Structures are given as C-alpha cells and as structure tokens.
Amino acid sequence: MAKNTLRDLNDHLFETIEALKDPDNPMGIARALAVTRVADAIVKAAKVQLDYHKTVERLADEDMRFFDRESGQKRLINGKAGHA
C-alpha cells in the first residue's frame, strides 16, 4: 500500500508540470490529464476525511445526546431525543 502524503502529491504535480514543459520529451496530454484526475480524487478524499474529523470533534464538544456515540446512530423515542 502506498505511503504517500499530500506533500508527496504536490511534488508529483509539479513533476508533471515539469514533464509537460520538457522540450526534448514532453509528457503526453492524456497522461497529464490522468495524473490530474487522480490527484483531484485524492484531494477530495482528503477533504472528506478532514471534514469528518472536524465534525466528530465538534459533536464531542456539543450536547448531542440524541446521538448514540457508541454506534454512531441517531436514536429517537416518541419523537424526542433519548436512549433506546
């Protein structure tokens, strides 16, 4: 499994730009677009992870009794927040 970081991704993207600009052996556009699409997916996944951690941290600080933190599920009893 890859052990790369977002810093590594940044390096790869700059390498792609350099390869595109290489006058002797430029990278093909299709390959550069593939790199860009994969990078975009990685950035989106990182954003989802960051948003998740921010949300979990915020919920831990708030009085969110209607969340069953053990299972992560919302429980309502007769339309009111409570424990099942």
C-alpha atoms as a PDB file:
ATOM      1  CA  MET A   1       0.000   0.000   0.000  1.00  0.00           C
ATOM      2  CA  ALA A   2       1.257   3.470  -0.865  1.00  0.00           C
ATOM      3  CA  LYS A   3       2.516   5.606   1.982  1.00  0.00           C
ATOM      4  CA  ASN A   4       2.369   8.961   0.231  1.00  0.00           C
ATOM      5  CA  THR A   5       1.252  12.236   1.770  1.00  0.00           C
ATOM      6  CA  LEU A   6      -0.389  15.330   0.336  1.00  0.00           C
ATOM      7  CA  ARG A   7       3.091  16.861   0.265  1.00  0.00           C
ATOM      8  CA  ASP A   8       4.178  13.992  -1.994  1.00  0.00           C
ATOM      9  CA  LEU A   9       1.147  14.652  -4.191  1.00  0.00           C
ATOM     10  CA  ASN A  10       2.218  18.271  -4.517  1.00  0.00           C
ATOM     11  CA  ASP A  11       5.670  17.126  -5.603  1.00  0.00           C
ATOM     12  CA  HIS A  12       4.170  14.756  -8.196  1.00  0.00           C
ATOM     13  CA  LEU A  13       2.003  17.516  -9.616  1.00  0.00           C
ATOM     14  CA  PHE A  14       4.985  19.842 -10.014  1.00  0.00           C
ATOM     15  CA  GLU A  15       6.918  16.989 -11.635  1.00  0.00           C
ATOM     16  CA  THR A  16       4.025  16.602 -14.069  1.00  0.00           C
ATOM     17  CA  ILE A  17       4.221  20.293 -14.958  1.00  0.00           C
ATOM     18  CA  GLU A  18       7.978  19.988 -15.493  1.00  0.00           C
ATOM     19  CA  ALA A  19       7.459  16.899 -17.666  1.00  0.00           C
ATOM     20  CA  LEU A  20       4.865  18.711 -19.751  1.00  0.00           C
ATOM     21  CA  LYS A  21       7.321  21.544 -20.344  1.00  0.00           C
ATOM     22  CA  ASP A  22      10.258  19.278 -21.247  1.00  0.00           C
ATOM     23  CA  PRO A  23      11.210  20.425 -24.763  1.00  0.00           C
ATOM     24  CA  ASP A  24      13.005  17.177 -25.624  1.00  0.00           C
ATOM     25  CA  ASN A  25      10.487  14.648 -24.342  1.00  0.00           C
ATOM     26  CA  PRO A  26       7.209  16.273 -23.221  1.00  0.00           C
ATOM     27  CA  MET A  27       4.684  14.211 -21.287  1.00  0.00           C
ATOM     28  CA  GLY A  28       1.594  13.345 -23.293  1.00  0.00           C
ATOM     29  CA  ILE A  29      -1.558  15.324 -22.587  1.00  0.00           C
ATOM     30  CA  ALA A  30      -3.593  12.174 -21.910  1.00  0.00           C
ATOM     31  CA  ARG A  31      -1.130  11.067 -19.247  1.00  0.00           C
ATOM     32  CA  ALA A  32      -1.055  14.515 -17.650  1.00  0.00           C
ATOM     33  CA  LEU A  33      -4.866  14.555 -17.555  1.00  0.00           C
ATOM     34  CA  ALA A  34      -4.854  11.135 -15.891  1.00  0.00           C
ATOM     35  CA  VAL A  35      -2.435  12.426 -13.226  1.00  0.00           C
ATOM     36  CA  THR A  36      -4.690  15.439 -12.690  1.00  0.00           C
ATOM     37  CA  ARG A  37      -7.818  13.303 -12.309  1.00  0.00           C
ATOM     38  CA  VAL A  38      -6.168  11.002  -9.793  1.00  0.00           C
ATOM     39  CA  ALA A  39      -4.796  13.994  -7.869  1.00  0.00           C
ATOM     40  CA  ASP A  40      -8.266  15.545  -7.784  1.00  0.00           C
ATOM     41  CA  ALA A  41      -9.723  12.334  -6.364  1.00  0.00           C
ATOM     42  CA  ILE A  42      -7.015  12.217  -3.687  1.00  0.00           C
ATOM     43  CA  VAL A  43      -7.644  15.839  -2.691  1.00  0.00           C
ATOM     44  CA  LYS A  44     -11.404  15.235  -2.497  1.00  0.00           C
ATOM     45  CA  ALA A  45     -10.881  12.157  -0.318  1.00  0.00           C
ATOM     46  CA  ALA A  46      -8.569  14.125   1.979  1.00  0.00           C
ATOM     47  CA  LYS A  47     -11.201  16.869   2.269  1.00  0.00           C
ATOM     48  CA  VAL A  48     -13.866  14.315   3.224  1.00  0.00           C
ATOM     49  CA  GLN A  49     -11.556  12.901   5.905  1.00  0.00           C
ATOM     50  CA  LEU A  50     -10.798  16.374   7.256  1.00  0.00           C
ATOM     51  CA  ASP A  51     -14.497  17.308   7.312  1.00  0.00           C
ATOM     52  CA  TYR A  52     -15.280  14.058   9.132  1.00  0.00           C
ATOM     53  CA  HIS A  53     -12.676  14.728  11.819  1.00  0.00           C
ATOM     54  CA  LYS A  54     -13.873  18.321  12.273  1.00  0.00           C
ATOM     55  CA  THR A  55     -17.465  17.108  12.631  1.00  0.00           C
ATOM     56  CA  VAL A  56     -16.589  14.389  15.121  1.00  0.00           C
ATOM     57  CA  GLU A  57     -14.573  16.872  17.173  1.00  0.00           C
ATOM     58  CA  ARG A  58     -17.433  19.393  17.121  1.00  0.00           C
ATOM     59  CA  LEU A  59     -20.003  16.766  18.115  1.00  0.00           C
ATOM     60  CA  ALA A  60     -17.817  15.660  21.011  1.00  0.00           C
ATOM     61  CA  ASP A  61     -17.865  19.243  22.326  1.00  0.00           C
ATOM     62  CA  GLU A  62     -21.627  19.737  21.993  1.00  0.00           C
ATOM     63  CA  ASP A  63     -24.507  18.311  23.966  1.00  0.00           C
ATOM     64  CA  MET A  64     -25.624  15.841  21.335  1.00  0.00           C
ATOM     65  CA  ARG A  65     -27.468  13.334  23.498  1.00  0.00           C
ATOM     66  CA  PHE A  66     -29.621  12.141  20.600  1.00  0.00           C
ATOM     67  CA  PHE A  67     -26.530  10.604  19.020  1.00  0.00           C
ATOM     68  CA  ASP A  68     -25.575   7.204  20.285  1.00  0.00           C
ATOM     69  CA  ARG A  69     -21.844   7.751  20.179  1.00  0.00           C
ATOM     70  CA  GLU A  70     -21.207   4.047  20.695  1.00  0.00           C
ATOM     71  CA  SER A  71     -22.787   3.044  17.403  1.00  0.00           C
ATOM     72  CA  GLY A  72     -22.849   6.431  15.690  1.00  0.00           C
ATOM     73  CA  GLN A  73     -26.592   6.166  15.107  1.00  0.00           C
ATOM     74  CA  LYS A  74     -29.325   8.654  15.958  1.00  0.00           C
ATOM     75  CA  ARG A  75     -31.985   7.347  18.316  1.00  0.00           C
ATOM     76  CA  LEU A  76     -35.362   8.955  18.947  1.00  0.00           C
ATOM     77  CA  ILE A  77     -38.050   7.818  21.367  1.00  0.00           C
ATOM     78  CA  ASN A  78     -41.568   9.111  20.710  1.00  0.00           C
ATOM     79  CA  GLY A  79     -40.128  11.923  18.592  1.00  0.00           C
ATOM     80  CA  LYS A  80     -37.877  13.069  21.436  1.00  0.00           C
ATOM     81  CA  ALA A  81     -34.153  12.623  21.822  1.00  0.00           C
ATOM     82  CA  GLY A  82     -33.221   9.858  24.168  1.00  0.00           C
ATOM     83  CA  HIS A  83     -31.616   6.490  24.583  1.00  0.00           C
ATOM     84  CA  ALA A  84     -33.177   3.347  23.176  1.00  0.00           C
END
